[in-house]
């Protein structure tokens, strides 16, 4: 079972597919679609920082999001 945490309800969710694995996150676009990315981090706090940075710097007018590291 995946470990999941809502960072910003209905906008940014983080999850781990495997216990101790890397954290993934998904961002809800203006189109209503979810865009999934990998943080490439196993540490929750590091992954959360990456997910938040991506969320707040994403251009929601475009479906493509550049992964900010």
PDB file of N, CA and C in Angstrom:
ATOM      1  N   UNK A   1       0.853  -1.177   0.000  1.00  0.00           N
ATOM      2  CA  UNK A   1       0.000   0.000   0.000  1.00  0.00           C
ATOM      3  C   UNK A   1       0.897   1.238   0.000  1.00  0.00           C
ATOM      4  N   UNK A   2       0.538   2.234  -0.770  1.00  0.00           N
ATOM      5  CA  UNK A   2       1.307   3.468  -0.881  1.00  0.00           C
ATOM      6  C   UNK A   2       1.078   4.369   0.331  1.00  0.00           C
ATOM      7  N   UNK A   3       2.141   5.060   0.723  1.00  0.00           N
ATOM      8  CA  UNK A   3       2.086   6.047   1.793  1.00  0.00           C
ATOM      9  C   UNK A   3       1.780   7.387   1.132  1.00  0.00           C
ATOM     10  N   UNK A   4       0.695   8.068   1.522  1.00  0.00           N
ATOM     11  CA  UNK A   4       0.254   9.286   0.839  1.00  0.00           C
ATOM     12  C   UNK A   4      -0.002  10.421   1.834  1.00  0.00           C
ATOM     13  N   UNK A   5       0.349  11.661   1.431  1.00  0.00           N
ATOM     14  CA  UNK A   5       0.157  12.838   2.271  1.00  0.00           C
ATOM     15  C   UNK A   5      -0.296  14.011   1.418  1.00  0.00           C
ATOM     16  N   UNK A   6      -1.390  14.671   1.821  1.00  0.00           N
ATOM     17  CA  UNK A   6      -1.829  15.892   1.141  1.00  0.00           C
ATOM     18  C   UNK A   6      -1.039  17.064   1.693  1.00  0.00           C
ATOM     19  N   UNK A   7      -0.322  17.761   0.824  1.00  0.00           N
ATOM     20  CA  UNK A   7       0.436  18.937   1.233  1.00  0.00           C
ATOM     21  C   UNK A   7      -0.442  20.176   1.096  1.00  0.00           C
ATOM     22  N   UNK A   8      -1.078  20.317  -0.053  1.00  0.00           N
ATOM     23  CA  UNK A   8      -2.068  21.366  -0.289  1.00  0.00           C
ATOM     24  C   UNK A   8      -3.315  20.630  -0.771  1.00  0.00           C
ATOM     25  N   UNK A   9      -4.368  20.571   0.051  1.00  0.00           N
ATOM     26  CA  UNK A   9      -5.544  19.771  -0.291  1.00  0.00           C
ATOM     27  C   UNK A   9      -6.065  20.043  -1.703  1.00  0.00           C
ATOM     28  N   UNK A  10      -6.263  18.967  -2.441  1.00  0.00           N
ATOM     29  CA  UNK A  10      -6.783  18.967  -3.804  1.00  0.00           C
ATOM     30  C   UNK A  10      -5.895  19.711  -4.807  1.00  0.00           C
ATOM     31  N   UNK A  11      -4.607  19.958  -4.447  1.00  0.00           N
ATOM     32  CA  UNK A  11      -3.696  20.632  -5.366  1.00  0.00           C
ATOM     33  C   UNK A  11      -2.321  19.980  -5.429  1.00  0.00           C
ATOM     34  N   UNK A  12      -1.809  19.516  -4.288  1.00  0.00           N
ATOM     35  CA  UNK A  12      -0.474  18.917  -4.230  1.00  0.00           C
ATOM     36  C   UNK A  12      -0.489  17.743  -3.257  1.00  0.00           C
ATOM     37  N   UNK A  13      -0.176  16.557  -3.770  1.00  0.00           N
ATOM     38  CA  UNK A  13      -0.153  15.339  -2.970  1.00  0.00           C
ATOM     39  C   UNK A  13       1.191  14.643  -3.151  1.00  0.00           C
ATOM     40  N   UNK A  14       1.754  14.153  -2.060  1.00  0.00           N
ATOM     41  CA  UNK A  14       2.999  13.387  -2.109  1.00  0.00           C
ATOM     42  C   UNK A  14       2.694  11.948  -1.728  1.00  0.00           C
ATOM     43  N   UNK A  15       3.438  11.025  -2.335  1.00  0.00           N
ATOM     44  CA  UNK A  15       3.236   9.614  -2.013  1.00  0.00           C
ATOM     45  C   UNK A  15       4.495   8.814  -2.276  1.00  0.00           C
ATOM     46  N   UNK A  16       4.602   7.710  -1.548  1.00  0.00           N
ATOM     47  CA  UNK A  16       5.676   6.729  -1.724  1.00  0.00           C
ATOM     48  C   UNK A  16       5.028   5.454  -2.217  1.00  0.00           C
ATOM     49  N   UNK A  17       5.554   4.897  -3.279  1.00  0.00           N
ATOM     50  CA  UNK A  17       5.012   3.636  -3.798  1.00  0.00           C
ATOM     51  C   UNK A  17       5.475   2.455  -2.961  1.00  0.00           C
ATOM     52  N   UNK A  18       6.694   2.532  -2.455  1.00  0.00           N
ATOM     53  CA  UNK A  18       7.282   1.466  -1.648  1.00  0.00           C
ATOM     54  C   UNK A  18       7.845   2.099  -0.376  1.00  0.00           C
ATOM     55  N   UNK A  19       7.612   1.471   0.759  1.00  0.00           N
ATOM     56  CA  UNK A  19       8.143   1.978   2.027  1.00  0.00           C
ATOM     57  C   UNK A  19       9.649   2.162   1.920  1.00  0.00           C
ATOM     58  N   UNK A  20      10.125   3.365   2.207  1.00  0.00           N
ATOM     59  CA  UNK A  20      11.548   3.653   2.144  1.00  0.00           C
ATOM     60  C   UNK A  20      12.031   4.044   0.754  1.00  0.00           C
ATOM     61  N   UNK A  21      11.129   4.040  -0.224  1.00  0.00           N
ATOM     62  CA  UNK A  21      11.490   4.416  -1.582  1.00  0.00           C
ATOM     63  C   UNK A  21      11.449   5.923  -1.784  1.00  0.00           C
ATOM     64  N   UNK A  22      11.649   6.345  -3.007  1.00  0.00           N
ATOM     65  CA  UNK A  22      11.616   7.783  -3.297  1.00  0.00           C
ATOM     66  C   UNK A  22      10.192   8.312  -3.216  1.00  0.00           C
ATOM     67  N   UNK A  23      10.073   9.593  -2.908  1.00  0.00           N
ATOM     68  CA  UNK A  23       8.783  10.262  -2.837  1.00  0.00           C
ATOM     69  C   UNK A  23       8.418  10.799  -4.216  1.00  0.00           C
ATOM     70  N   UNK A  24       7.167  10.572  -4.600  1.00  0.00           N
ATOM     71  CA  UNK A  24       6.601  11.116  -5.825  1.00  0.00           C
ATOM     72  C   UNK A  24       5.561  12.149  -5.415  1.00  0.00           C
ATOM     73  N   UNK A  25       5.215  13.016  -6.336  1.00  0.00           N
ATOM     74  CA  UNK A  25       4.169  13.979  -6.031  1.00  0.00           C
ATOM     75  C   UNK A  25       3.354  14.260  -7.272  1.00  0.00           C
ATOM     76  N   UNK A  26       2.140  14.748  -7.051  1.00  0.00           N
ATOM     77  CA  UNK A  26       1.293  15.118  -8.170  1.00  0.00           C
ATOM     78  C   UNK A  26       0.717  16.503  -7.918  1.00  0.00           C
ATOM     79  N   UNK A  27       0.624  17.253  -8.996  1.00  0.00           N
ATOM     80  CA  UNK A  27       0.141  18.636  -8.963  1.00  0.00           C
ATOM     81  C   UNK A  27      -1.095  18.730  -9.844  1.00  0.00           C
ATOM     82  N   UNK A  28      -2.134  19.382  -9.349  1.00  0.00           N
ATOM     83  CA  UNK A  28      -3.345  19.551 -10.147  1.00  0.00           C
ATOM     84  C   UNK A  28      -3.189  20.789 -11.022  1.00  0.00           C
ATOM     85  N   UNK A  29      -3.370  20.605 -12.321  1.00  0.00           N
ATOM     86  CA  UNK A  29      -3.263  21.699 -13.277  1.00  0.00           C
ATOM     87  C   UNK A  29      -4.591  22.446 -13.398  1.00  0.00           C
ATOM     88  N   UNK A  30      -4.556  23.614 -14.020  1.00  0.00           N
ATOM     89  CA  UNK A  30      -5.784  24.388 -14.230  1.00  0.00           C
ATOM     90  C   UNK A  30      -6.801  23.623 -15.055  1.00  0.00           C
ATOM     91  N   UNK A  31      -6.335  22.704 -15.886  1.00  0.00           N
ATOM     92  CA  UNK A  31      -7.228  21.896 -16.714  1.00  0.00           C
ATOM     93  C   UNK A  31      -7.985  20.859 -15.888  1.00  0.00           C
ATOM     94  N   UNK A  32      -7.578  20.686 -14.621  1.00  0.00           N
ATOM     95  CA  UNK A  32      -8.192  19.696 -13.752  1.00  0.00           C
ATOM     96  C   UNK A  32      -7.463  18.365 -13.775  1.00  0.00           C
ATOM     97  N   UNK A  33      -6.478  18.230 -14.653  1.00  0.00           N
ATOM     98  CA  UNK A  33      -5.693  17.007 -14.739  1.00  0.00           C
ATOM     99  C   UNK A  33      -4.578  17.022 -13.699  1.00  0.00           C
ATOM    100  N   UNK A  34      -4.175  15.831 -13.272  1.00  0.00           N
ATOM    101  CA  UNK A  34      -3.058  15.697 -12.344  1.00  0.00           C
ATOM    102  C   UNK A  34      -1.787  15.428 -13.134  1.00  0.00           C
ATOM    103  N   UNK A  35      -0.697  16.091 -12.751  1.00  0.00           N
ATOM    104  CA  UNK A  35       0.611  15.903 -13.375  1.00  0.00           C
ATOM    105  C   UNK A  35       1.520  15.266 -12.331  1.00  0.00           C
ATOM    106  N   UNK A  36       2.101  14.098 -12.645  1.00  0.00           N
ATOM    107  CA  UNK A  36       2.909  13.352 -11.675  1.00  0.00           C
ATOM    108  C   UNK A  36       4.403  13.523 -11.940  1.00  0.00           C
ATOM    109  N   UNK A  37       5.156  13.655 -10.845  1.00  0.00           N
ATOM    110  CA  UNK A  37       6.607  13.809 -10.912  1.00  0.00           C
ATOM    111  C   UNK A  37       7.265  13.018  -9.788  1.00  0.00           C
ATOM    112  N   UNK A  38       8.549  12.761  -9.941  1.00  0.00           N
ATOM    113  CA  UNK A  38       9.329  12.128  -8.882  1.00  0.00           C
ATOM    114  C   UNK A  38      10.244  13.177  -8.262  1.00  0.00           C
ATOM    115  N   UNK A  39      10.339  13.169  -6.941  1.00  0.00           N
ATOM    116  CA  UNK A  39      11.259  14.083  -6.260  1.00  0.00           C
ATOM    117  C   UNK A  39      12.686  13.543  -6.322  1.00  0.00           C
ATOM    118  N   UNK A  40      12.816  12.230  -6.532  1.00  0.00           N
ATOM    119  CA  UNK A  40      14.100  11.520  -6.518  1.00  0.00           C
ATOM    120  C   UNK A  40      14.744  11.532  -5.134  1.00  0.00           C
ATOM    121  N   UNK A  41      13.940  11.784  -4.119  1.00  0.00           N
ATOM    122  CA  UNK A  41      14.424  11.851  -2.730  1.00  0.00           C
ATOM    123  C   UNK A  41      13.698  10.813  -1.874  1.00  0.00           C
ATOM    124  N   UNK A  42      14.417  10.183  -0.959  1.00  0.00           N
ATOM    125  CA  UNK A  42      13.801   9.266  -0.001  1.00  0.00           C
ATOM    126  C   UNK A  42      13.451   9.984   1.299  1.00  0.00           C
ATOM    127  N   UNK A  43      14.075  11.138   1.551  1.00  0.00           N
ATOM    128  CA  UNK A  43      13.808  11.934   2.743  1.00  0.00           C
ATOM    129  C   UNK A  43      12.558  12.786   2.517  1.00  0.00           C
ATOM    130  N   UNK A  44      11.567  12.647   3.412  1.00  0.00           N
ATOM    131  CA  UNK A  44      10.292  13.347   3.247  1.00  0.00           C
ATOM    132  C   UNK A  44      10.460  14.861   3.176  1.00  0.00           C
ATOM    133  N   UNK A  45      11.239  15.448   4.086  1.00  0.00           N
ATOM    134  CA  UNK A  45      11.379  16.902   4.121  1.00  0.00           C
ATOM    135  C   UNK A  45      12.038  17.447   2.865  1.00  0.00           C
ATOM    136  N   UNK A  46      13.051  16.763   2.363  1.00  0.00           N
ATOM    137  CA  UNK A  46      13.708  17.180   1.115  1.00  0.00           C
ATOM    138  C   UNK A  46      12.721  17.075  -0.056  1.00  0.00           C
ATOM    139  N   UNK A  47      11.987  15.972  -0.101  1.00  0.00           N
ATOM    140  CA  UNK A  47      11.008  15.764  -1.176  1.00  0.00           C
ATOM    141  C   UNK A  47       9.901  16.810  -1.118  1.00  0.00           C
ATOM    142  N   UNK A  48       9.462  17.143   0.097  1.00  0.00           N
ATOM    143  CA  UNK A  48       8.404  18.148   0.263  1.00  0.00           C
ATOM    144  C   UNK A  48       8.869  19.509  -0.230  1.00  0.00           C
ATOM    145  N   UNK A  49      10.111  19.862   0.041  1.00  0.00           N
ATOM    146  CA  UNK A  49      10.664  21.131  -0.432  1.00  0.00           C
ATOM    147  C   UNK A  49      10.674  21.183  -1.961  1.00  0.00           C
ATOM    148  N   UNK A  50      11.080  20.085  -2.590  1.00  0.00           N
ATOM    149  CA  UNK A  50      11.102  20.023  -4.055  1.00  0.00           C
ATOM    150  C   UNK A  50       9.686  20.134  -4.610  1.00  0.00           C
ATOM    151  N   UNK A  51       8.749  19.407  -4.011  1.00  0.00           N
ATOM    152  CA  UNK A  51       7.359  19.432  -4.481  1.00  0.00           C
ATOM    153  C   UNK A  51       6.754  20.830  -4.337  1.00  0.00           C
ATOM    154  N   UNK A  52       6.981  21.478  -3.200  1.00  0.00           N
ATOM    155  CA  UNK A  52       6.463  22.829  -3.001  1.00  0.00           C
ATOM    156  C   UNK A  52       7.082  23.821  -3.984  1.00  0.00           C
ATOM    157  N   UNK A  53       8.379  23.709  -4.191  1.00  0.00           N
ATOM    158  CA  UNK A  53       9.060  24.611  -5.118  1.00  0.00           C
ATOM    159  C   UNK A  53       8.511  24.430  -6.537  1.00  0.00           C
ATOM    160  N   UNK A  54       8.316  23.190  -6.939  1.00  0.00           N
ATOM    161  CA  UNK A  54       7.751  22.934  -8.265  1.00  0.00           C
ATOM    162  C   UNK A  54       6.337  23.487  -8.365  1.00  0.00           C
ATOM    163  N   UNK A  55       5.523  23.247  -7.338  1.00  0.00           N
ATOM    164  CA  UNK A  55       4.136  23.719  -7.344  1.00  0.00           C
ATOM    165  C   UNK A  55       4.065  25.238  -7.473  1.00  0.00           C
ATOM    166  N   UNK A  56       4.852  25.949  -6.682  1.00  0.00           N
ATOM    167  CA  UNK A  56       4.756  27.408  -6.667  1.00  0.00           C
ATOM    168  C   UNK A  56       5.471  28.087  -7.835  1.00  0.00           C
ATOM    169  N   UNK A  57       6.305  27.354  -8.587  1.00  0.00           N
ATOM    170  CA  UNK A  57       6.976  27.958  -9.742  1.00  0.00           C
ATOM    171  C   UNK A  57       6.435  27.431 -11.067  1.00  0.00           C
ATOM    172  N   UNK A  58       5.463  26.528 -11.015  1.00  0.00           N
ATOM    173  CA  UNK A  58       4.915  25.933 -12.241  1.00  0.00           C
ATOM    174  C   UNK A  58       4.076  26.952 -13.005  1.00  0.00           C
ATOM    175  N   UNK A  59       4.144  26.852 -14.312  1.00  0.00           N
ATOM    176  CA  UNK A  59       3.310  27.685 -15.181  1.00  0.00           C
ATOM    177  C   UNK A  59       2.062  26.872 -15.508  1.00  0.00           C
ATOM    178  N   UNK A  60       0.949  27.217 -14.895  1.00  0.00           N
ATOM    179  CA  UNK A  60      -0.266  26.444 -15.055  1.00  0.00           C
ATOM    180  C   UNK A  60      -0.983  26.718 -16.369  1.00  0.00           C
ATOM    181  N   UNK A  61      -0.489  27.638 -17.179  1.00  0.00           N
ATOM    182  CA  UNK A  61      -1.081  27.881 -18.484  1.00  0.00           C
ATOM    183  C   UNK A  61      -0.643  26.811 -19.474  1.00  0.00           C
ATOM    184  N   UNK A  62       0.436  26.137 -19.156  1.00  0.00           N
ATOM    185  CA  UNK A  62       1.000  25.117 -20.032  1.00  0.00           C
ATOM    186  C   UNK A  62       0.929  23.778 -19.311  1.00  0.00           C
ATOM    187  N   UNK A  63       0.573  22.717 -20.026  1.00  0.00           N
ATOM    188  CA  UNK A  63       0.466  21.396 -19.411  1.00  0.00           C
ATOM    189  C   UNK A  63       1.842  20.875 -19.026  1.00  0.00           C
ATOM    190  N   UNK A  64       2.872  21.259 -19.754  1.00  0.00           N
ATOM    191  CA  UNK A  64       4.215  20.796 -19.445  1.00  0.00           C
ATOM    192  C   UNK A  64       4.770  21.578 -18.259  1.00  0.00           C
ATOM    193  N   UNK A  65       5.391  20.883 -17.338  1.00  0.00           N
ATOM    194  CA  UNK A  65       6.011  21.507 -16.170  1.00  0.00           C
ATOM    195  C   UNK A  65       7.473  21.136 -16.165  1.00  0.00           C
ATOM    196  N   UNK A  66       8.343  22.111 -16.041  1.00  0.00           N
ATOM    197  CA  UNK A  66       9.766  21.825 -15.918  1.00  0.00           C
ATOM    198  C   UNK A  66      10.059  21.431 -14.494  1.00  0.00           C
ATOM    199  N   UNK A  67      10.695  20.285 -14.311  1.00  0.00           N
ATOM    200  CA  UNK A  67      11.024  19.793 -12.975  1.00  0.00           C
ATOM    201  C   UNK A  67      12.128  20.666 -12.399  1.00  0.00           C
ATOM    202  N   UNK A  68      11.824  21.356 -11.316  1.00  0.00           N
ATOM    203  CA  UNK A  68      12.786  22.243 -10.659  1.00  0.00           C
ATOM    204  C   UNK A  68      13.494  21.464  -9.581  1.00  0.00           C
ATOM    205  N   UNK A  69      14.818  21.430  -9.646  1.00  0.00           N
ATOM    206  CA  UNK A  69      15.595  20.722  -8.626  1.00  0.00           C
ATOM    207  C   UNK A  69      16.390  21.725  -7.816  1.00  0.00           C
TER     208      UNK A  69
END
